[in-house]
Amino acid sequence: MEGTPDLSDPIMTPDAERERNVLFVIVLFHTVGLIGFIVLAFTVFFLKLVPWHLLLMLVIIIYNHKQLNGKFISFAITVFVLGFCAELTGVHTGLLFGSYNYGLTLGLKLWGIPLVIGINWFLLIYSTGVLMQRSRVKNIFVRILTGALLLVLLDFFIEPVAIHFDYWHWAANGIPLKNYLCWFLISGAMLFIFEKFKFDMQNKAPVALLIMQFVFFMILGLIY
């Protein structure tokens, strides 16, 4: 009958619409960034945008998180501080990761450590934690172990690209095995913290962010 609404049409809830919009932004900005890194005429400009890209992803993840409250803020600050302190220890003592120093690409530094590196740790840990949460693996230690291994694999793809684009540089020729061991241990410790916060089930946006990180650095690694 004319004028009668079609009840078979799906109605998008506000949460679903927000998730769709966030997914679109994550994929769009990583795709544009990838093109900017590949096309040499744009590379210098896009390198300057790296810290702002991480800040944008932070805003998106905060906006997207269900039940944005003090518990979530406490988790974010905890991971930021732990990640920053781990990098501070690594750069100034070599006890963690190995002997390395940060370049100019990641922007403003405090004590030789880019401030956005703590944000990066938060984004990676949170995204991986949500992925493991959505996997429905029941054993907490299996989730932590799998997530930590996944982040070590991501770092394996990040390293050559980061060195090429002046994110950071190793003092010795080659990346030490110690780097990957420390990534595993620190990631595992932070994922344990994620588990202890017991967040409600989150949507797919953080998972998309992690996937796009893999795609971004894998493609650039093949090129450079």
C-alpha atoms as a PDB file:
ATOM      1  CA  MET A   1       0.000   0.000   0.000  1.00  0.00           C
ATOM      2  CA  GLU A   2       1.297   3.401  -0.962  1.00  0.00           C
ATOM      3  CA  GLY A   3       2.666   5.365   1.957  1.00  0.00           C
ATOM      4  CA  THR A   4       3.116   2.310   4.151  1.00  0.00           C
ATOM      5  CA  PRO A   5       6.703   2.040   5.459  1.00  0.00           C
ATOM      6  CA  ASP A   6       8.688  -0.997   4.410  1.00  0.00           C
ATOM      7  CA  LEU A   7       9.381  -2.705   7.727  1.00  0.00           C
ATOM      8  CA  SER A   8      11.830  -5.053   6.036  1.00  0.00           C
ATOM      9  CA  ASP A   9      14.344  -2.230   5.555  1.00  0.00           C
ATOM     10  CA  PRO A  10      17.098  -2.443   8.154  1.00  0.00           C
ATOM     11  CA  ILE A  11      17.168   0.413  10.627  1.00  0.00           C
ATOM     12  CA  MET A  12      20.663   1.450  11.638  1.00  0.00           C
ATOM     13  CA  THR A  13      21.035   2.094  15.345  1.00  0.00           C
ATOM     14  CA  PRO A  14      23.127   5.051  16.555  1.00  0.00           C
ATOM     15  CA  ASP A  15      25.866   2.653  17.721  1.00  0.00           C
ATOM     16  CA  ALA A  16      25.942   0.890  14.363  1.00  0.00           C
ATOM     17  CA  GLU A  17      26.055   4.189  12.501  1.00  0.00           C
ATOM     18  CA  ARG A  18      28.884   5.428  14.704  1.00  0.00           C
ATOM     19  CA  GLU A  19      30.807   2.204  14.115  1.00  0.00           C
ATOM     20  CA  ARG A  20      30.328   2.498  10.349  1.00  0.00           C
ATOM     21  CA  ASN A  21      31.552   6.102  10.337  1.00  0.00           C
ATOM     22  CA  VAL A  22      34.588   5.258  12.473  1.00  0.00           C
ATOM     23  CA  LEU A  23      35.484   2.293  10.262  1.00  0.00           C
ATOM     24  CA  PHE A  24      35.277   4.536   7.208  1.00  0.00           C
ATOM     25  CA  VAL A  25      37.598   7.158   8.721  1.00  0.00           C
ATOM     26  CA  ILE A  26      40.146   4.560   9.844  1.00  0.00           C
ATOM     27  CA  VAL A  27      40.323   2.903   6.432  1.00  0.00           C
ATOM     28  CA  LEU A  28      40.291   6.221   4.569  1.00  0.00           C
ATOM     29  CA  PHE A  29      43.116   7.857   6.514  1.00  0.00           C
ATOM     30  CA  HIS A  30      45.351   4.794   6.392  1.00  0.00           C
ATOM     31  CA  THR A  31      44.740   4.411   2.660  1.00  0.00           C
ATOM     32  CA  VAL A  32      45.487   8.075   1.962  1.00  0.00           C
ATOM     33  CA  GLY A  33      48.557   7.888   4.207  1.00  0.00           C
ATOM     34  CA  LEU A  34      49.795   4.810   2.391  1.00  0.00           C
ATOM     35  CA  ILE A  35      49.506   6.607  -0.947  1.00  0.00           C
ATOM     36  CA  GLY A  36      51.288   9.615   0.520  1.00  0.00           C
ATOM     37  CA  PHE A  37      54.192   7.452   1.686  1.00  0.00           C
ATOM     38  CA  ILE A  38      54.457   5.675  -1.665  1.00  0.00           C
ATOM     39  CA  VAL A  39      54.257   8.714  -3.958  1.00  0.00           C
ATOM     40  CA  LEU A  40      57.612  10.397  -3.413  1.00  0.00           C
ATOM     41  CA  ALA A  41      56.300  13.866  -4.275  1.00  0.00           C
ATOM     42  CA  PHE A  42      54.016  13.698  -1.210  1.00  0.00           C
ATOM     43  CA  THR A  43      56.210  11.787   1.235  1.00  0.00           C
ATOM     44  CA  VAL A  44      57.858  14.718   3.031  1.00  0.00           C
ATOM     45  CA  PHE A  45      54.466  16.311   3.654  1.00  0.00           C
ATOM     46  CA  PHE A  46      52.884  13.095   4.901  1.00  0.00           C
ATOM     47  CA  LEU A  47      55.781  12.379   7.239  1.00  0.00           C
ATOM     48  CA  LYS A  48      54.980  15.642   9.003  1.00  0.00           C
ATOM     49  CA  LEU A  49      51.438  14.382   9.531  1.00  0.00           C
ATOM     50  CA  VAL A  50      52.414  11.167  11.338  1.00  0.00           C
ATOM     51  CA  PRO A  51      52.001  12.561  14.907  1.00  0.00           C
ATOM     52  CA  TRP A  52      48.686  14.151  13.923  1.00  0.00           C
ATOM     53  CA  HIS A  53      47.514  10.881  12.428  1.00  0.00           C
ATOM     54  CA  LEU A  54      48.164   9.109  15.740  1.00  0.00           C
ATOM     55  CA  LEU A  55      46.315  11.850  17.616  1.00  0.00           C
ATOM     56  CA  LEU A  56      43.379  11.494  15.231  1.00  0.00           C
ATOM     57  CA  MET A  57      43.271   7.733  15.788  1.00  0.00           C
ATOM     58  CA  LEU A  58      43.338   8.379  19.545  1.00  0.00           C
ATOM     59  CA  VAL A  59      40.336  10.705  19.294  1.00  0.00           C
ATOM     60  CA  ILE A  60      38.483   8.169  17.145  1.00  0.00           C
ATOM     61  CA  ILE A  61      39.128   5.308  19.550  1.00  0.00           C
ATOM     62  CA  ILE A  62      38.059   7.380  22.558  1.00  0.00           C
ATOM     63  CA  TYR A  63      34.921   8.508  20.702  1.00  0.00           C
ATOM     64  CA  ASN A  64      34.156   4.930  19.706  1.00  0.00           C
ATOM     65  CA  HIS A  65      34.655   3.277  23.118  1.00  0.00           C
ATOM     66  CA  LYS A  66      31.498   2.035  24.797  1.00  0.00           C
ATOM     67  CA  GLN A  67      30.958   3.393  28.303  1.00  0.00           C
ATOM     68  CA  LEU A  68      33.517   6.161  28.240  1.00  0.00           C
ATOM     69  CA  ASN A  69      34.212   6.597  31.942  1.00  0.00           C
ATOM     70  CA  GLY A  70      36.936   6.909  34.552  1.00  0.00           C
ATOM     71  CA  LYS A  71      37.879   3.254  34.207  1.00  0.00           C
ATOM     72  CA  PHE A  72      38.684   3.667  30.526  1.00  0.00           C
ATOM     73  CA  ILE A  73      40.603   6.906  31.119  1.00  0.00           C
ATOM     74  CA  SER A  74      42.605   5.204  33.878  1.00  0.00           C
ATOM     75  CA  PHE A  75      43.488   2.369  31.535  1.00  0.00           C
ATOM     76  CA  ALA A  76      44.534   4.747  28.753  1.00  0.00           C
ATOM     77  CA  ILE A  77      46.738   6.794  31.082  1.00  0.00           C
ATOM     78  CA  THR A  78      48.278   3.651  32.596  1.00  0.00           C
ATOM     79  CA  VAL A  79      49.273   2.234  29.210  1.00  0.00           C
ATOM     80  CA  PHE A  80      50.493   5.621  27.985  1.00  0.00           C
ATOM     81  CA  VAL A  81      52.754   6.041  31.020  1.00  0.00           C
ATOM     82  CA  LEU A  82      54.031   2.458  30.952  1.00  0.00           C
ATOM     83  CA  GLY A  83      54.741   2.635  27.227  1.00  0.00           C
ATOM     84  CA  PHE A  84      56.506   5.971  27.531  1.00  0.00           C
ATOM     85  CA  CYS A  85      58.581   4.779  30.503  1.00  0.00           C
ATOM     86  CA  ALA A  86      59.544   1.591  28.667  1.00  0.00           C
ATOM     87  CA  GLU A  87      60.807   3.660  25.736  1.00  0.00           C
ATOM     88  CA  LEU A  88      62.564   6.068  28.090  1.00  0.00           C
ATOM     89  CA  THR A  89      64.355   3.152  29.736  1.00  0.00           C
ATOM     90  CA  GLY A  90      65.219   1.648  26.369  1.00  0.00           C
ATOM     91  CA  VAL A  91      66.674   4.796  24.844  1.00  0.00           C
ATOM     92  CA  HIS A  92      68.664   5.935  27.878  1.00  0.00           C
ATOM     93  CA  THR A  93      69.876   2.604  29.254  1.00  0.00           C
ATOM     94  CA  GLY A  94      69.547   0.029  26.502  1.00  0.00           C
ATOM     95  CA  LEU A  95      68.128  -2.406  29.061  1.00  0.00           C
ATOM     96  CA  LEU A  96      64.911  -2.680  27.062  1.00  0.00           C
ATOM     97  CA  PHE A  97      64.739  -3.271  23.313  1.00  0.00           C
ATOM     98  CA  GLY A  98      68.425  -2.482  22.680  1.00  0.00           C
ATOM     99  CA  SER A  99      70.462   0.556  21.681  1.00  0.00           C
ATOM    100  CA  TYR A 100      68.340   2.948  19.617  1.00  0.00           C
ATOM    101  CA  ASN A 101      67.301   6.582  19.281  1.00  0.00           C
ATOM    102  CA  TYR A 102      64.272   8.342  17.895  1.00  0.00           C
ATOM    103  CA  GLY A 103      64.374  10.460  14.759  1.00  0.00           C
ATOM    104  CA  LEU A 104      62.250  13.472  13.867  1.00  0.00           C
ATOM    105  CA  THR A 105      59.195  11.865  12.284  1.00  0.00           C
ATOM    106  CA  LEU A 106      57.219  11.212  15.475  1.00  0.00           C
ATOM    107  CA  GLY A 107      57.370  14.845  16.499  1.00  0.00           C
ATOM    108  CA  LEU A 108      57.710  16.595  19.851  1.00  0.00           C
ATOM    109  CA  LYS A 109      59.958  14.815  22.360  1.00  0.00           C
ATOM    110  CA  LEU A 110      60.336  14.743  26.112  1.00  0.00           C
ATOM    111  CA  TRP A 111      63.729  13.443  27.324  1.00  0.00           C
ATOM    112  CA  GLY A 112      64.401  12.187  23.814  1.00  0.00           C
ATOM    113  CA  ILE A 113      61.124  10.222  23.575  1.00  0.00           C
ATOM    114  CA  PRO A 114      58.303  11.352  21.259  1.00  0.00           C
ATOM    115  CA  LEU A 115      55.188  12.070  23.292  1.00  0.00           C
ATOM    116  CA  VAL A 116      53.025  10.249  20.766  1.00  0.00           C
ATOM    117  CA  ILE A 117      54.876   6.983  21.410  1.00  0.00           C
ATOM    118  CA  GLY A 118      52.769   6.508  24.537  1.00  0.00           C
ATOM    119  CA  ILE A 119      49.669   7.084  22.413  1.00  0.00           C
ATOM    120  CA  ASN A 120      50.902   4.495  19.939  1.00  0.00           C
ATOM    121  CA  TRP A 121      51.352   1.937  22.711  1.00  0.00           C
ATOM    122  CA  PHE A 122      47.818   2.614  23.921  1.00  0.00           C
ATOM    123  CA  LEU A 123      46.333   2.250  20.430  1.00  0.00           C
ATOM    124  CA  LEU A 124      48.147  -1.024  19.788  1.00  0.00           C
ATOM    125  CA  ILE A 125      47.381  -2.573  23.178  1.00  0.00           C
ATOM    126  CA  TYR A 126      43.756  -1.483  23.172  1.00  0.00           C
ATOM    127  CA  SER A 127      43.152  -2.648  19.590  1.00  0.00           C
ATOM    128  CA  THR A 128      44.797  -5.999  20.229  1.00  0.00           C
ATOM    129  CA  GLY A 129      42.943  -6.395  23.512  1.00  0.00           C
ATOM    130  CA  VAL A 130      39.619  -5.795  21.761  1.00  0.00           C
ATOM    131  CA  LEU A 131      40.554  -8.252  19.015  1.00  0.00           C
ATOM    132  CA  MET A 132      41.289 -10.923  21.605  1.00  0.00           C
ATOM    133  CA  GLN A 133      38.083  -9.968  23.434  1.00  0.00           C
ATOM    134  CA  ARG A 134      36.051 -10.468  20.254  1.00  0.00           C
ATOM    135  CA  SER A 135      37.808 -13.746  19.472  1.00  0.00           C
ATOM    136  CA  ARG A 136      35.857 -15.320  22.336  1.00  0.00           C
ATOM    137  CA  VAL A 137      38.895 -17.328  23.422  1.00  0.00           C
ATOM    138  CA  LYS A 138      37.978 -18.109  27.018  1.00  0.00           C
ATOM    139  CA  ASN A 139      41.425 -18.621  28.523  1.00  0.00           C
ATOM    140  CA  ILE A 140      42.897 -15.266  29.588  1.00  0.00           C
ATOM    141  CA  PHE A 141      46.490 -16.456  29.259  1.00  0.00           C
ATOM    142  CA  VAL A 142      45.905 -17.752  25.724  1.00  0.00           C
ATOM    143  CA  ARG A 143      44.436 -14.380  24.797  1.00  0.00           C
ATOM    144  CA  ILE A 144      47.415 -12.543  26.282  1.00  0.00           C
ATOM    145  CA  LEU A 145      49.966 -14.871  24.672  1.00  0.00           C
ATOM    146  CA  THR A 146      48.284 -14.672  21.260  1.00  0.00           C
ATOM    147  CA  GLY A 147      47.929 -10.892  21.444  1.00  0.00           C
ATOM    148  CA  ALA A 148      51.561 -10.408  22.463  1.00  0.00           C
ATOM    149  CA  LEU A 149      52.749 -12.618  19.605  1.00  0.00           C
ATOM    150  CA  LEU A 150      50.548 -10.667  17.215  1.00  0.00           C
ATOM    151  CA  LEU A 151      52.139  -7.388  18.321  1.00  0.00           C
ATOM    152  CA  VAL A 152      55.628  -8.838  17.916  1.00  0.00           C
ATOM    153  CA  LEU A 153      54.670  -9.788  14.364  1.00  0.00           C
ATOM    154  CA  LEU A 154      53.425  -6.258  13.749  1.00  0.00           C
ATOM    155  CA  ASP A 155      56.680  -4.818  15.079  1.00  0.00           C
ATOM    156  CA  PHE A 156      58.551  -7.098  12.680  1.00  0.00           C
ATOM    157  CA  PHE A 157      56.768  -5.344   9.808  1.00  0.00           C
ATOM    158  CA  ILE A 158      57.085  -1.883  11.370  1.00  0.00           C
ATOM    159  CA  GLU A 159      60.844  -1.944  11.980  1.00  0.00           C
ATOM    160  CA  PRO A 160      62.238  -1.626   8.422  1.00  0.00           C
ATOM    161  CA  VAL A 161      59.663   1.024   7.522  1.00  0.00           C
ATOM    162  CA  ALA A 162      60.294   2.988  10.728  1.00  0.00           C
ATOM    163  CA  ILE A 163      64.030   2.990  10.103  1.00  0.00           C
ATOM    164  CA  HIS A 164      63.600   4.080   6.483  1.00  0.00           C
ATOM    165  CA  PHE A 165      61.314   6.987   7.398  1.00  0.00           C
ATOM    166  CA  ASP A 166      63.287   8.229  10.440  1.00  0.00           C
ATOM    167  CA  TYR A 167      60.898   7.074  13.150  1.00  0.00           C
ATOM    168  CA  TRP A 168      63.874   5.616  15.010  1.00  0.00           C
ATOM    169  CA  HIS A 169      67.335   4.145  14.341  1.00  0.00           C
ATOM    170  CA  TRP A 170      69.351   1.313  15.853  1.00  0.00           C
ATOM    171  CA  ALA A 171      72.923   1.921  16.951  1.00  0.00           C
ATOM    172  CA  ALA A 172      74.122  -1.423  15.609  1.00  0.00           C
ATOM    173  CA  ASN A 173      73.559  -2.822  12.148  1.00  0.00           C
ATOM    174  CA  GLY A 174      70.352  -4.782  12.318  1.00  0.00           C
ATOM    175  CA  ILE A 175      67.541  -5.101  14.825  1.00  0.00           C
ATOM    176  CA  PRO A 176      68.498  -7.057  17.949  1.00  0.00           C
ATOM    177  CA  LEU A 177      66.506 -10.114  18.985  1.00  0.00           C
ATOM    178  CA  LYS A 178      66.197  -8.422  22.373  1.00  0.00           C
ATOM    179  CA  ASN A 179      63.847  -5.904  20.778  1.00  0.00           C
ATOM    180  CA  TYR A 180      61.294  -8.554  19.890  1.00  0.00           C
ATOM    181  CA  LEU A 181      61.621 -10.284  23.249  1.00  0.00           C
ATOM    182  CA  CYS A 182      60.940  -7.002  25.049  1.00  0.00           C
ATOM    183  CA  TRP A 183      58.003  -6.259  22.754  1.00  0.00           C
ATOM    184  CA  PHE A 184      56.543  -9.636  23.683  1.00  0.00           C
ATOM    185  CA  LEU A 185      57.027  -9.205  27.425  1.00  0.00           C
ATOM    186  CA  ILE A 186      55.845  -5.587  27.598  1.00  0.00           C
ATOM    187  CA  SER A 187      52.891  -6.233  25.307  1.00  0.00           C
ATOM    188  CA  GLY A 188      51.920  -9.243  27.382  1.00  0.00           C
ATOM    189  CA  ALA A 189      52.070  -7.214  30.604  1.00  0.00           C
ATOM    190  CA  MET A 190      49.905  -4.453  29.133  1.00  0.00           C
ATOM    191  CA  LEU A 191      47.414  -6.934  27.674  1.00  0.00           C
ATOM    192  CA  PHE A 192      47.153  -8.442  31.146  1.00  0.00           C
ATOM    193  CA  ILE A 193      46.226  -4.982  32.405  1.00  0.00           C
ATOM    194  CA  PHE A 194      43.619  -4.711  29.627  1.00  0.00           C
ATOM    195  CA  GLU A 195      42.101  -7.999  30.770  1.00  0.00           C
ATOM    196  CA  LYS A 196      41.948  -6.859  34.382  1.00  0.00           C
ATOM    197  CA  PHE A 197      39.924  -3.781  33.453  1.00  0.00           C
ATOM    198  CA  LYS A 198      37.172  -6.089  32.100  1.00  0.00           C
ATOM    199  CA  PHE A 199      35.705  -3.724  29.525  1.00  0.00           C
ATOM    200  CA  ASP A 200      32.334  -4.508  27.985  1.00  0.00           C
ATOM    201  CA  MET A 201      32.416  -6.058  24.532  1.00  0.00           C
ATOM    202  CA  GLN A 202      33.599  -3.431  22.049  1.00  0.00           C
ATOM    203  CA  ASN A 203      32.743  -3.135  18.356  1.00  0.00           C
ATOM    204  CA  LYS A 204      34.982  -3.775  15.356  1.00  0.00           C
ATOM    205  CA  ALA A 205      36.601  -0.346  15.009  1.00  0.00           C
ATOM    206  CA  PRO A 206      39.746  -1.054  17.097  1.00  0.00           C
ATOM    207  CA  VAL A 207      40.152  -4.341  15.218  1.00  0.00           C
ATOM    208  CA  ALA A 208      39.982  -2.424  11.932  1.00  0.00           C
ATOM    209  CA  LEU A 209      42.676  -0.071  13.217  1.00  0.00           C
ATOM    210  CA  LEU A 210      44.974  -3.002  13.981  1.00  0.00           C
ATOM    211  CA  ILE A 211      44.317  -4.604  10.594  1.00  0.00           C
ATOM    212  CA  MET A 212      45.050  -1.341   8.792  1.00  0.00           C
ATOM    213  CA  GLN A 213      48.321  -1.057  10.715  1.00  0.00           C
ATOM    214  CA  PHE A 214      49.319  -4.470   9.406  1.00  0.00           C
ATOM    215  CA  VAL A 215      48.278  -3.579   5.854  1.00  0.00           C
ATOM    216  CA  PHE A 216      50.033  -0.209   5.982  1.00  0.00           C
ATOM    217  CA  PHE A 217      53.411  -1.492   7.163  1.00  0.00           C
ATOM    218  CA  MET A 218      53.355  -4.741   5.190  1.00  0.00           C
ATOM    219  CA  ILE A 219      52.823  -2.902   1.903  1.00  0.00           C
ATOM    220  CA  LEU A 220      55.449  -0.270   2.681  1.00  0.00           C
ATOM    221  CA  GLY A 221      57.847  -3.020   3.762  1.00  0.00           C
ATOM    222  CA  LEU A 222      57.490  -4.677   0.377  1.00  0.00           C
ATOM    223  CA  ILE A 223      58.219  -1.393  -1.380  1.00  0.00           C
ATOM    224  CA  TYR A 224      61.082  -0.121   0.788  1.00  0.00           C
END
